[in-house]
Amino acid sequence: MSDAIPGPDGRLRCPWGLSTEDYVAYHDTEWGRPVHGDDALYERLCLEAFQSGLSWITILRRREGFRRAFAGFRIAAVAEFTDADKERLLGDAGIIRNRLKIEATVANAQALAGWSPGELDDLIWSYAPDPATRPGPRTLAEVPAVTDESTALSKALKKRGLRFIGPTTAYALMQACGLVDDHLADCVARGGA
């Protein structure tokens, strides 16, 4: 038995990936595909933190607003943000205006600015589990919210000074950035197809 359902083209997909047109494109071309690069991973880390407590579609539809507000998520640029920038962000209707999440985004950039190039990428990807140990899930109930790897990644990032990255957020990051492939076994997008 599989939870995968046919999309508009008749091919099977994860059910969540068919709920809106925005999700179809995100599901088919982005979610679960490998993401590398410190700035790219910083962006995903920030967006997953902003998503905490909200639906992903809320973040997905505001992603361009987030990119404008946070200097394209360039770590070096966001690390230079001042208290005035934080206040500006609190008034920006193009993003989620949550003071704690905004402050964490800036603080995380400031922490990461002191890391060597590629260090964030290397750290995050060091927690990718062996794909051979993870068969494709047949149902949504088989997709975890937290794993041992996401718990360890969360602890490692926190130990290095990053904030707003618990085990569930770390796992969502791992899913979105291709460290794990949680597309259903029958999904057309499984394996980056």
N, C-alpha and C. Protein backbone atom coordinates (compact mmCIF):
# COMPACT_ATOMS: atom_id res chain seq x y z
N MET A 1 0.84 -1.18 0.00
CA MET A 1 0.00 0.00 0.00
C MET A 1 0.89 1.24 0.00
N SER A 2 0.53 2.23 -0.81
CA SER A 2 1.31 3.46 -0.91
C SER A 2 0.40 4.66 -0.79
N ASP A 3 0.91 5.71 -0.18
CA ASP A 3 0.16 6.96 -0.07
C ASP A 3 0.34 7.86 -1.30
N ALA A 4 1.24 7.50 -2.21
CA ALA A 4 1.48 8.32 -3.40
C ALA A 4 0.20 8.39 -4.23
N ILE A 5 -0.07 9.57 -4.78
CA ILE A 5 -1.29 9.76 -5.59
C ILE A 5 -0.93 10.40 -6.93
N PRO A 6 -1.75 10.16 -7.94
CA PRO A 6 -1.44 10.71 -9.26
C PRO A 6 -1.61 12.23 -9.29
N GLY A 7 -0.67 12.89 -9.96
CA GLY A 7 -0.77 14.33 -10.16
C GLY A 7 -1.47 14.63 -11.46
N PRO A 8 -1.47 15.90 -11.87
CA PRO A 8 -2.17 16.31 -13.09
C PRO A 8 -1.66 15.60 -14.34
N ASP A 9 -0.41 15.14 -14.29
CA ASP A 9 0.17 14.43 -15.44
C ASP A 9 0.01 12.92 -15.31
N GLY A 10 -0.67 12.46 -14.26
CA GLY A 10 -0.90 11.04 -14.04
C GLY A 10 0.22 10.33 -13.29
N ARG A 11 1.36 10.99 -13.07
CA ARG A 11 2.47 10.36 -12.37
C ARG A 11 2.26 10.48 -10.86
N LEU A 12 2.72 9.47 -10.13
CA LEU A 12 2.53 9.42 -8.69
C LEU A 12 3.45 10.40 -7.98
N ARG A 13 2.90 11.04 -6.94
CA ARG A 13 3.65 12.00 -6.14
C ARG A 13 3.26 11.88 -4.68
N CYS A 14 4.10 12.45 -3.82
CA CYS A 14 3.75 12.59 -2.41
C CYS A 14 2.50 13.46 -2.32
N PRO A 15 1.51 13.08 -1.51
CA PRO A 15 0.26 13.84 -1.47
C PRO A 15 0.43 15.33 -1.15
N TRP A 16 1.35 15.66 -0.22
CA TRP A 16 1.53 17.07 0.13
C TRP A 16 2.00 17.88 -1.07
N GLY A 17 2.70 17.25 -1.99
CA GLY A 17 3.24 17.94 -3.15
C GLY A 17 2.20 18.30 -4.20
N LEU A 18 0.95 17.95 -3.97
CA LEU A 18 -0.10 18.25 -4.94
C LEU A 18 -1.15 19.22 -4.40
N SER A 19 -0.96 19.71 -3.18
CA SER A 19 -2.01 20.52 -2.55
C SER A 19 -2.14 21.92 -3.15
N THR A 20 -1.06 22.47 -3.70
CA THR A 20 -1.13 23.78 -4.38
C THR A 20 -0.14 23.75 -5.55
N GLU A 21 -0.32 24.66 -6.49
CA GLU A 21 0.63 24.74 -7.61
C GLU A 21 2.04 25.06 -7.12
N ASP A 22 2.14 25.90 -6.09
CA ASP A 22 3.44 26.22 -5.52
C ASP A 22 4.14 24.96 -5.01
N TYR A 23 3.37 24.11 -4.34
CA TYR A 23 3.94 22.87 -3.82
C TYR A 23 4.35 21.91 -4.94
N VAL A 24 3.57 21.83 -6.02
CA VAL A 24 3.92 20.92 -7.11
C VAL A 24 5.32 21.27 -7.63
N ALA A 25 5.56 22.53 -7.91
CA ALA A 25 6.87 22.96 -8.43
C ALA A 25 7.96 22.71 -7.40
N TYR A 26 7.72 23.08 -6.15
CA TYR A 26 8.71 22.88 -5.09
C TYR A 26 9.01 21.39 -4.91
N HIS A 27 7.96 20.59 -4.82
CA HIS A 27 8.12 19.14 -4.65
C HIS A 27 8.89 18.51 -5.80
N ASP A 28 8.53 18.86 -7.02
CA ASP A 28 9.11 18.20 -8.20
C ASP A 28 10.53 18.63 -8.51
N THR A 29 10.89 19.86 -8.18
CA THR A 29 12.19 20.37 -8.65
C THR A 29 13.17 20.74 -7.55
N GLU A 30 12.71 20.81 -6.30
CA GLU A 30 13.60 21.34 -5.27
C GLU A 30 13.70 20.46 -4.03
N TRP A 31 12.57 20.12 -3.42
CA TRP A 31 12.58 19.41 -2.14
C TRP A 31 13.27 18.06 -2.28
N GLY A 32 14.24 17.81 -1.43
CA GLY A 32 14.95 16.55 -1.45
C GLY A 32 16.13 16.49 -2.41
N ARG A 33 16.37 17.59 -3.13
CA ARG A 33 17.53 17.64 -4.04
C ARG A 33 18.72 18.18 -3.25
N PRO A 34 19.91 17.64 -3.49
CA PRO A 34 21.08 18.09 -2.72
C PRO A 34 21.36 19.59 -2.87
N VAL A 35 21.56 20.22 -1.74
CA VAL A 35 21.91 21.64 -1.67
C VAL A 35 23.29 21.74 -1.03
N HIS A 36 24.19 22.46 -1.69
CA HIS A 36 25.54 22.67 -1.16
C HIS A 36 25.85 24.17 -1.22
N GLY A 37 26.83 24.55 -0.42
CA GLY A 37 27.26 25.95 -0.35
C GLY A 37 26.79 26.56 0.96
N ASP A 38 27.69 27.26 1.60
CA ASP A 38 27.37 27.83 2.92
C ASP A 38 26.18 28.77 2.88
N ASP A 39 26.16 29.71 1.92
CA ASP A 39 25.06 30.66 1.86
C ASP A 39 23.73 29.96 1.55
N ALA A 40 23.76 29.01 0.62
CA ALA A 40 22.54 28.28 0.26
C ALA A 40 22.01 27.49 1.45
N LEU A 41 22.88 26.86 2.20
CA LEU A 41 22.45 26.10 3.38
C LEU A 41 22.01 27.03 4.51
N TYR A 42 22.67 28.17 4.64
CA TYR A 42 22.25 29.17 5.62
C TYR A 42 20.82 29.64 5.31
N GLU A 43 20.54 29.88 4.03
CA GLU A 43 19.18 30.28 3.65
C GLU A 43 18.17 29.23 4.08
N ARG A 44 18.43 27.98 3.76
CA ARG A 44 17.49 26.91 4.10
C ARG A 44 17.35 26.77 5.61
N LEU A 45 18.46 26.90 6.33
CA LEU A 45 18.42 26.83 7.78
C LEU A 45 17.52 27.95 8.34
N CYS A 46 17.67 29.15 7.81
CA CYS A 46 16.86 30.29 8.26
C CYS A 46 15.39 30.09 7.93
N LEU A 47 15.11 29.67 6.70
CA LEU A 47 13.71 29.49 6.30
C LEU A 47 13.04 28.38 7.11
N GLU A 48 13.76 27.31 7.40
CA GLU A 48 13.19 26.25 8.23
C GLU A 48 12.91 26.78 9.64
N ALA A 49 13.78 27.63 10.16
CA ALA A 49 13.54 28.22 11.48
C ALA A 49 12.32 29.14 11.45
N PHE A 50 12.19 29.94 10.40
CA PHE A 50 11.01 30.81 10.29
C PHE A 50 9.74 29.98 10.15
N GLN A 51 9.83 28.80 9.55
CA GLN A 51 8.67 27.95 9.35
C GLN A 51 8.17 27.36 10.66
N SER A 52 9.01 27.24 11.65
CA SER A 52 8.64 26.62 12.91
C SER A 52 7.32 27.20 13.42
N GLY A 53 6.33 26.33 13.59
CA GLY A 53 5.02 26.75 14.07
C GLY A 53 4.08 27.21 12.97
N LEU A 54 4.54 27.22 11.74
CA LEU A 54 3.72 27.66 10.60
C LEU A 54 3.73 26.58 9.52
N SER A 55 2.90 26.75 8.51
CA SER A 55 2.94 25.81 7.39
C SER A 55 4.05 26.26 6.43
N TRP A 56 4.65 25.28 5.75
CA TRP A 56 5.74 25.59 4.82
C TRP A 56 5.27 26.50 3.68
N ILE A 57 4.01 26.37 3.26
CA ILE A 57 3.52 27.18 2.14
C ILE A 57 3.61 28.67 2.49
N THR A 58 3.43 29.00 3.75
CA THR A 58 3.54 30.39 4.19
C THR A 58 4.94 30.92 3.91
N ILE A 59 5.95 30.11 4.17
CA ILE A 59 7.34 30.51 3.94
C ILE A 59 7.65 30.49 2.45
N LEU A 60 7.22 29.45 1.77
CA LEU A 60 7.50 29.30 0.34
C LEU A 60 6.98 30.50 -0.45
N ARG A 61 5.80 30.96 -0.12
CA ARG A 61 5.20 32.09 -0.84
C ARG A 61 5.85 33.43 -0.49
N ARG A 62 6.61 33.47 0.58
CA ARG A 62 7.31 34.70 0.98
C ARG A 62 8.81 34.61 0.77
N ARG A 63 9.27 33.55 0.14
CA ARG A 63 10.71 33.32 0.02
C ARG A 63 11.41 34.49 -0.66
N GLU A 64 10.86 35.03 -1.71
CA GLU A 64 11.51 36.16 -2.38
C GLU A 64 11.58 37.38 -1.46
N GLY A 65 10.53 37.58 -0.66
CA GLY A 65 10.56 38.66 0.32
C GLY A 65 11.65 38.45 1.36
N PHE A 66 11.81 37.22 1.80
CA PHE A 66 12.89 36.90 2.74
C PHE A 66 14.25 37.17 2.09
N ARG A 67 14.40 36.76 0.84
CA ARG A 67 15.68 36.97 0.16
C ARG A 67 16.00 38.46 0.04
N ARG A 68 15.01 39.26 -0.29
CA ARG A 68 15.25 40.72 -0.37
C ARG A 68 15.60 41.28 1.01
N ALA A 69 14.85 40.87 2.02
CA ALA A 69 15.03 41.41 3.37
C ALA A 69 16.37 41.01 3.98
N PHE A 70 16.83 39.82 3.65
CA PHE A 70 18.06 39.30 4.27
C PHE A 70 19.22 39.22 3.28
N ALA A 71 19.32 40.21 2.41
CA ALA A 71 20.48 40.37 1.52
C ALA A 71 20.83 39.08 0.77
N GLY A 72 19.80 38.41 0.26
CA GLY A 72 20.03 37.18 -0.48
C GLY A 72 20.59 36.06 0.37
N PHE A 73 20.48 36.19 1.68
CA PHE A 73 21.02 35.22 2.64
C PHE A 73 22.52 35.03 2.47
N ARG A 74 23.19 36.10 2.10
CA ARG A 74 24.66 36.06 2.08
C ARG A 74 25.13 36.25 3.53
N ILE A 75 25.79 35.24 4.04
CA ILE A 75 26.19 35.24 5.45
C ILE A 75 26.96 36.51 5.81
N ALA A 76 27.93 36.88 4.99
CA ALA A 76 28.76 38.05 5.30
C ALA A 76 27.93 39.32 5.38
N ALA A 77 26.92 39.45 4.52
CA ALA A 77 26.08 40.66 4.52
C ALA A 77 25.17 40.68 5.74
N VAL A 78 24.51 39.56 6.05
CA VAL A 78 23.58 39.52 7.18
C VAL A 78 24.34 39.68 8.50
N ALA A 79 25.57 39.21 8.56
CA ALA A 79 26.39 39.36 9.77
C ALA A 79 26.63 40.83 10.11
N GLU A 80 26.52 41.70 9.13
CA GLU A 80 26.72 43.14 9.35
C GLU A 80 25.44 43.88 9.75
N PHE A 81 24.31 43.18 9.80
CA PHE A 81 23.05 43.83 10.16
C PHE A 81 23.15 44.43 11.56
N THR A 82 22.54 45.58 11.71
CA THR A 82 22.54 46.31 12.98
C THR A 82 21.17 46.20 13.65
N ASP A 83 21.07 46.83 14.82
CA ASP A 83 19.77 46.87 15.49
C ASP A 83 18.75 47.62 14.63
N ALA A 84 19.20 48.62 13.89
CA ALA A 84 18.28 49.35 12.99
C ALA A 84 17.77 48.41 11.89
N ASP A 85 18.63 47.54 11.39
CA ASP A 85 18.19 46.57 10.39
C ASP A 85 17.14 45.62 10.98
N LYS A 86 17.35 45.20 12.21
CA LYS A 86 16.38 44.30 12.85
C LYS A 86 15.03 45.00 12.99
N GLU A 87 15.05 46.27 13.36
CA GLU A 87 13.79 47.02 13.47
C GLU A 87 13.12 47.17 12.10
N ARG A 88 13.92 47.41 11.07
CA ARG A 88 13.39 47.48 9.70
C ARG A 88 12.71 46.17 9.34
N LEU A 89 13.35 45.06 9.69
CA LEU A 89 12.78 43.75 9.37
C LEU A 89 11.46 43.51 10.10
N LEU A 90 11.36 44.01 11.31
CA LEU A 90 10.10 43.85 12.06
C LEU A 90 8.94 44.57 11.39
N GLY A 91 9.23 45.54 10.53
CA GLY A 91 8.19 46.25 9.81
C GLY A 91 7.99 45.77 8.38
N ASP A 92 8.72 44.73 7.98
CA ASP A 92 8.68 44.25 6.59
C ASP A 92 7.56 43.23 6.42
N ALA A 93 6.49 43.60 5.73
CA ALA A 93 5.35 42.71 5.53
C ALA A 93 5.67 41.56 4.57
N GLY A 94 6.82 41.59 3.93
CA GLY A 94 7.20 40.53 2.99
C GLY A 94 7.79 39.31 3.67
N ILE A 95 7.98 39.38 5.00
CA ILE A 95 8.53 38.24 5.75
C ILE A 95 7.65 37.96 6.95
N ILE A 96 8.02 36.95 7.72
CA ILE A 96 7.36 36.68 9.00
C ILE A 96 8.05 37.57 10.02
N ARG A 97 7.28 38.43 10.65
CA ARG A 97 7.86 39.43 11.55
C ARG A 97 7.86 38.92 12.99
N ASN A 98 8.77 38.03 13.25
CA ASN A 98 8.93 37.43 14.57
C ASN A 98 10.29 37.85 15.09
N ARG A 99 10.29 38.62 16.16
CA ARG A 99 11.53 39.18 16.69
C ARG A 99 12.57 38.11 17.00
N LEU A 100 12.16 37.03 17.67
CA LEU A 100 13.13 35.99 18.06
C LEU A 100 13.75 35.33 16.83
N LYS A 101 12.94 35.10 15.80
CA LYS A 101 13.46 34.45 14.59
C LYS A 101 14.36 35.40 13.81
N ILE A 102 14.01 36.67 13.78
CA ILE A 102 14.86 37.67 13.10
C ILE A 102 16.21 37.77 13.82
N GLU A 103 16.15 37.87 15.15
CA GLU A 103 17.40 37.98 15.92
C GLU A 103 18.26 36.73 15.75
N ALA A 104 17.63 35.55 15.71
CA ALA A 104 18.39 34.31 15.52
C ALA A 104 19.03 34.28 14.13
N THR A 105 18.33 34.77 13.12
CA THR A 105 18.86 34.79 11.76
C THR A 105 20.12 35.65 11.68
N VAL A 106 20.08 36.81 12.32
CA VAL A 106 21.25 37.70 12.33
C VAL A 106 22.36 37.11 13.20
N ALA A 107 22.01 36.62 14.37
CA ALA A 107 23.02 36.03 15.26
C ALA A 107 23.69 34.82 14.61
N ASN A 108 22.93 34.02 13.90
CA ASN A 108 23.51 32.86 13.22
C ASN A 108 24.48 33.29 12.13
N ALA A 109 24.14 34.34 11.40
CA ALA A 109 25.07 34.85 10.39
C ALA A 109 26.35 35.36 11.05
N GLN A 110 26.20 36.05 12.17
CA GLN A 110 27.38 36.55 12.86
C GLN A 110 28.26 35.40 13.34
N ALA A 111 27.65 34.32 13.81
CA ALA A 111 28.44 33.16 14.23
C ALA A 111 29.11 32.51 13.03
N LEU A 112 28.36 32.34 11.95
CA LEU A 112 28.89 31.66 10.76
C LEU A 112 29.96 32.48 10.03
N ALA A 113 29.92 33.80 10.20
CA ALA A 113 30.91 34.66 9.53
C ALA A 113 32.33 34.32 9.96
N GLY A 114 32.48 33.74 11.12
CA GLY A 114 33.80 33.36 11.61
C GLY A 114 34.24 31.97 11.20
N TRP A 115 33.39 31.25 10.50
CA TRP A 115 33.72 29.89 10.06
C TRP A 115 34.52 29.96 8.77
N SER A 116 35.27 28.93 8.49
CA SER A 116 36.01 28.83 7.23
C SER A 116 35.05 28.55 6.08
N PRO A 117 35.40 28.99 4.87
CA PRO A 117 34.55 28.67 3.71
C PRO A 117 34.36 27.16 3.59
N GLY A 118 33.10 26.75 3.40
CA GLY A 118 32.77 25.35 3.25
C GLY A 118 32.54 24.62 4.55
N GLU A 119 32.81 25.27 5.67
CA GLU A 119 32.70 24.59 6.96
C GLU A 119 31.25 24.25 7.32
N LEU A 120 30.31 25.15 7.02
CA LEU A 120 28.91 24.85 7.30
C LEU A 120 28.44 23.69 6.42
N ASP A 121 28.79 23.74 5.15
CA ASP A 121 28.43 22.67 4.22
C ASP A 121 28.98 21.34 4.72
N ASP A 122 30.25 21.32 5.06
CA ASP A 122 30.88 20.08 5.53
C ASP A 122 30.21 19.55 6.80
N LEU A 123 29.93 20.46 7.74
CA LEU A 123 29.32 20.04 9.00
C LEU A 123 27.94 19.44 8.76
N ILE A 124 27.10 20.17 8.04
CA ILE A 124 25.73 19.68 7.82
C ILE A 124 25.75 18.34 7.09
N TRP A 125 26.52 18.24 6.01
CA TRP A 125 26.52 17.01 5.22
C TRP A 125 27.18 15.84 5.93
N SER A 126 27.97 16.12 6.98
CA SER A 126 28.57 15.01 7.73
C SER A 126 27.50 14.22 8.50
N TYR A 127 26.30 14.76 8.62
CA TYR A 127 25.21 14.09 9.32
C TYR A 127 24.24 13.37 8.38
N ALA A 128 24.54 13.35 7.10
CA ALA A 128 23.69 12.63 6.15
C ALA A 128 23.82 11.13 6.39
N PRO A 129 22.71 10.45 6.62
CA PRO A 129 22.79 9.00 6.84
C PRO A 129 23.08 8.27 5.52
N ASP A 130 23.56 7.07 5.63
CA ASP A 130 23.81 6.22 4.47
C ASP A 130 22.46 5.92 3.81
N PRO A 131 22.28 6.30 2.54
CA PRO A 131 21.00 6.06 1.87
C PRO A 131 20.62 4.58 1.83
N ALA A 132 21.61 3.69 1.85
CA ALA A 132 21.32 2.25 1.81
C ALA A 132 20.59 1.78 3.06
N THR A 133 20.68 2.56 4.15
CA THR A 133 20.02 2.18 5.40
C THR A 133 18.61 2.76 5.49
N ARG A 134 18.19 3.50 4.43
CA ARG A 134 16.89 4.18 4.48
C ARG A 134 16.05 3.82 3.25
N PRO A 135 15.29 2.76 3.33
CA PRO A 135 14.42 2.44 2.19
C PRO A 135 13.37 3.53 2.01
N GLY A 136 12.90 3.68 0.79
CA GLY A 136 11.88 4.69 0.52
C GLY A 136 10.61 4.42 1.30
N PRO A 137 10.08 5.43 1.96
CA PRO A 137 8.84 5.23 2.72
C PRO A 137 7.67 4.96 1.77
N ARG A 138 6.79 4.07 2.15
CA ARG A 138 5.60 3.76 1.34
C ARG A 138 4.44 4.67 1.74
N THR A 139 4.42 5.07 3.01
CA THR A 139 3.32 5.90 3.52
C THR A 139 3.90 7.11 4.23
N LEU A 140 3.08 8.13 4.39
CA LEU A 140 3.52 9.33 5.11
C LEU A 140 3.80 9.01 6.58
N ALA A 141 3.11 8.00 7.12
CA ALA A 141 3.34 7.61 8.51
C ALA A 141 4.75 7.07 8.73
N GLU A 142 5.40 6.61 7.68
CA GLU A 142 6.76 6.08 7.79
C GLU A 142 7.82 7.17 7.75
N VAL A 143 7.43 8.41 7.49
CA VAL A 143 8.39 9.52 7.42
C VAL A 143 8.54 10.12 8.81
N PRO A 144 9.75 10.07 9.38
CA PRO A 144 9.94 10.58 10.74
C PRO A 144 9.95 12.11 10.78
N ALA A 145 9.74 12.64 11.97
CA ALA A 145 9.87 14.08 12.19
C ALA A 145 11.23 14.42 12.78
N VAL A 146 11.83 13.43 13.42
CA VAL A 146 13.13 13.58 14.09
C VAL A 146 13.87 12.26 13.93
N THR A 147 15.18 12.34 13.78
CA THR A 147 16.01 11.13 13.73
C THR A 147 17.21 11.33 14.65
N ASP A 148 17.95 10.26 14.86
CA ASP A 148 19.18 10.39 15.65
C ASP A 148 20.13 11.38 14.98
N GLU A 149 20.19 11.34 13.64
CA GLU A 149 21.08 12.25 12.91
C GLU A 149 20.65 13.70 13.06
N SER A 150 19.33 13.96 13.00
CA SER A 150 18.88 15.35 13.13
C SER A 150 19.09 15.87 14.55
N THR A 151 18.96 14.99 15.53
CA THR A 151 19.22 15.38 16.92
C THR A 151 20.70 15.72 17.09
N ALA A 152 21.56 14.90 16.51
CA ALA A 152 23.00 15.15 16.60
C ALA A 152 23.39 16.42 15.84
N LEU A 153 22.80 16.64 14.66
CA LEU A 153 23.08 17.85 13.89
C LEU A 153 22.65 19.09 14.67
N SER A 154 21.47 19.04 15.26
CA SER A 154 20.98 20.16 16.06
C SER A 154 21.95 20.48 17.19
N LYS A 155 22.40 19.44 17.90
CA LYS A 155 23.34 19.65 19.01
C LYS A 155 24.66 20.23 18.51
N ALA A 156 25.14 19.75 17.37
CA ALA A 156 26.41 20.25 16.84
C ALA A 156 26.30 21.71 16.44
N LEU A 157 25.19 22.08 15.81
CA LEU A 157 25.01 23.49 15.41
C LEU A 157 24.86 24.39 16.63
N LYS A 158 24.11 23.94 17.62
CA LYS A 158 23.95 24.73 18.84
C LYS A 158 25.28 24.89 19.57
N LYS A 159 26.05 23.81 19.61
CA LYS A 159 27.36 23.87 20.27
C LYS A 159 28.26 24.90 19.60
N ARG A 160 28.08 25.11 18.30
CA ARG A 160 28.88 26.07 17.54
C ARG A 160 28.26 27.48 17.56
N GLY A 161 27.19 27.68 18.35
CA GLY A 161 26.64 29.00 18.55
C GLY A 161 25.40 29.34 17.74
N LEU A 162 24.85 28.39 16.98
CA LEU A 162 23.65 28.68 16.19
C LEU A 162 22.41 28.49 17.05
N ARG A 163 21.38 29.28 16.71
CA ARG A 163 20.15 29.29 17.49
C ARG A 163 18.96 28.91 16.61
N PHE A 164 17.88 28.53 17.27
CA PHE A 164 16.60 28.24 16.63
C PHE A 164 16.72 27.06 15.66
N ILE A 165 17.44 26.03 16.08
CA ILE A 165 17.64 24.85 15.24
C ILE A 165 17.53 23.60 16.11
N GLY A 166 16.29 23.25 16.44
CA GLY A 166 16.05 22.03 17.20
C GLY A 166 16.08 20.81 16.29
N PRO A 167 15.92 19.62 16.87
CA PRO A 167 15.98 18.39 16.08
C PRO A 167 14.94 18.30 14.96
N THR A 168 13.73 18.81 15.19
CA THR A 168 12.70 18.77 14.15
C THR A 168 13.05 19.71 13.01
N THR A 169 13.52 20.91 13.34
CA THR A 169 13.95 21.86 12.32
C THR A 169 15.15 21.31 11.57
N ALA A 170 16.06 20.67 12.29
CA ALA A 170 17.23 20.08 11.64
C ALA A 170 16.81 18.97 10.67
N TYR A 171 15.80 18.19 11.05
CA TYR A 171 15.35 17.14 10.14
C TYR A 171 14.66 17.72 8.91
N ALA A 172 13.86 18.75 9.10
CA ALA A 172 13.23 19.41 7.95
C ALA A 172 14.30 19.96 7.01
N LEU A 173 15.38 20.49 7.56
CA LEU A 173 16.51 20.96 6.75
C LEU A 173 17.12 19.79 5.98
N MET A 174 17.32 18.68 6.66
CA MET A 174 17.91 17.49 6.02
C MET A 174 17.03 17.00 4.87
N GLN A 175 15.72 17.02 5.06
CA GLN A 175 14.81 16.61 4.00
C GLN A 175 14.86 17.58 2.83
N ALA A 176 14.75 18.86 3.12
CA ALA A 176 14.69 19.88 2.07
C ALA A 176 15.97 19.94 1.26
N CYS A 177 17.10 19.68 1.91
CA CYS A 177 18.41 19.84 1.26
C CYS A 177 19.00 18.53 0.75
N GLY A 178 18.21 17.48 0.75
CA GLY A 178 18.64 16.24 0.12
C GLY A 178 19.57 15.36 0.93
N LEU A 179 19.76 15.64 2.21
CA LEU A 179 20.57 14.75 3.03
C LEU A 179 19.86 13.42 3.20
N VAL A 180 18.53 13.46 3.17
CA VAL A 180 17.70 12.27 3.16
C VAL A 180 16.70 12.42 2.02
N ASP A 181 16.24 11.30 1.49
CA ASP A 181 15.23 11.33 0.43
C ASP A 181 13.95 10.75 1.00
N ASP A 182 13.06 11.63 1.45
CA ASP A 182 11.80 11.19 2.03
C ASP A 182 10.63 11.28 1.06
N HIS A 183 10.93 11.41 -0.24
CA HIS A 183 9.85 11.22 -1.22
C HIS A 183 9.38 9.78 -1.07
N LEU A 184 8.09 9.56 -1.20
CA LEU A 184 7.56 8.21 -1.09
C LEU A 184 8.18 7.31 -2.16
N ALA A 185 8.25 6.03 -1.89
CA ALA A 185 8.92 5.08 -2.77
C ALA A 185 8.38 5.13 -4.19
N ASP A 186 7.08 5.38 -4.35
CA ASP A 186 6.46 5.40 -5.68
C ASP A 186 6.42 6.80 -6.29
N CYS A 187 6.96 7.78 -5.61
CA CYS A 187 6.90 9.17 -6.08
C CYS A 187 7.84 9.39 -7.27
N VAL A 188 7.35 10.13 -8.24
CA VAL A 188 8.15 10.43 -9.44
C VAL A 188 9.42 11.20 -9.11
N ALA A 189 9.42 11.94 -8.01
CA ALA A 189 10.58 12.77 -7.65
C ALA A 189 11.61 12.02 -6.80
N ARG A 190 11.31 10.80 -6.40
CA ARG A 190 12.26 10.05 -5.57
C ARG A 190 13.56 9.85 -6.31
N GLY A 191 14.66 10.08 -5.61
CA GLY A 191 15.97 9.91 -6.22
C GLY A 191 16.34 11.04 -7.17
N GLY A 192 15.62 12.17 -7.07
CA GLY A 192 15.93 13.31 -7.92
C GLY A 192 15.49 13.14 -9.35
N ALA A 193 14.59 12.19 -9.60
CA ALA A 193 14.12 11.93 -10.97
C ALA A 193 13.41 13.12 -11.57
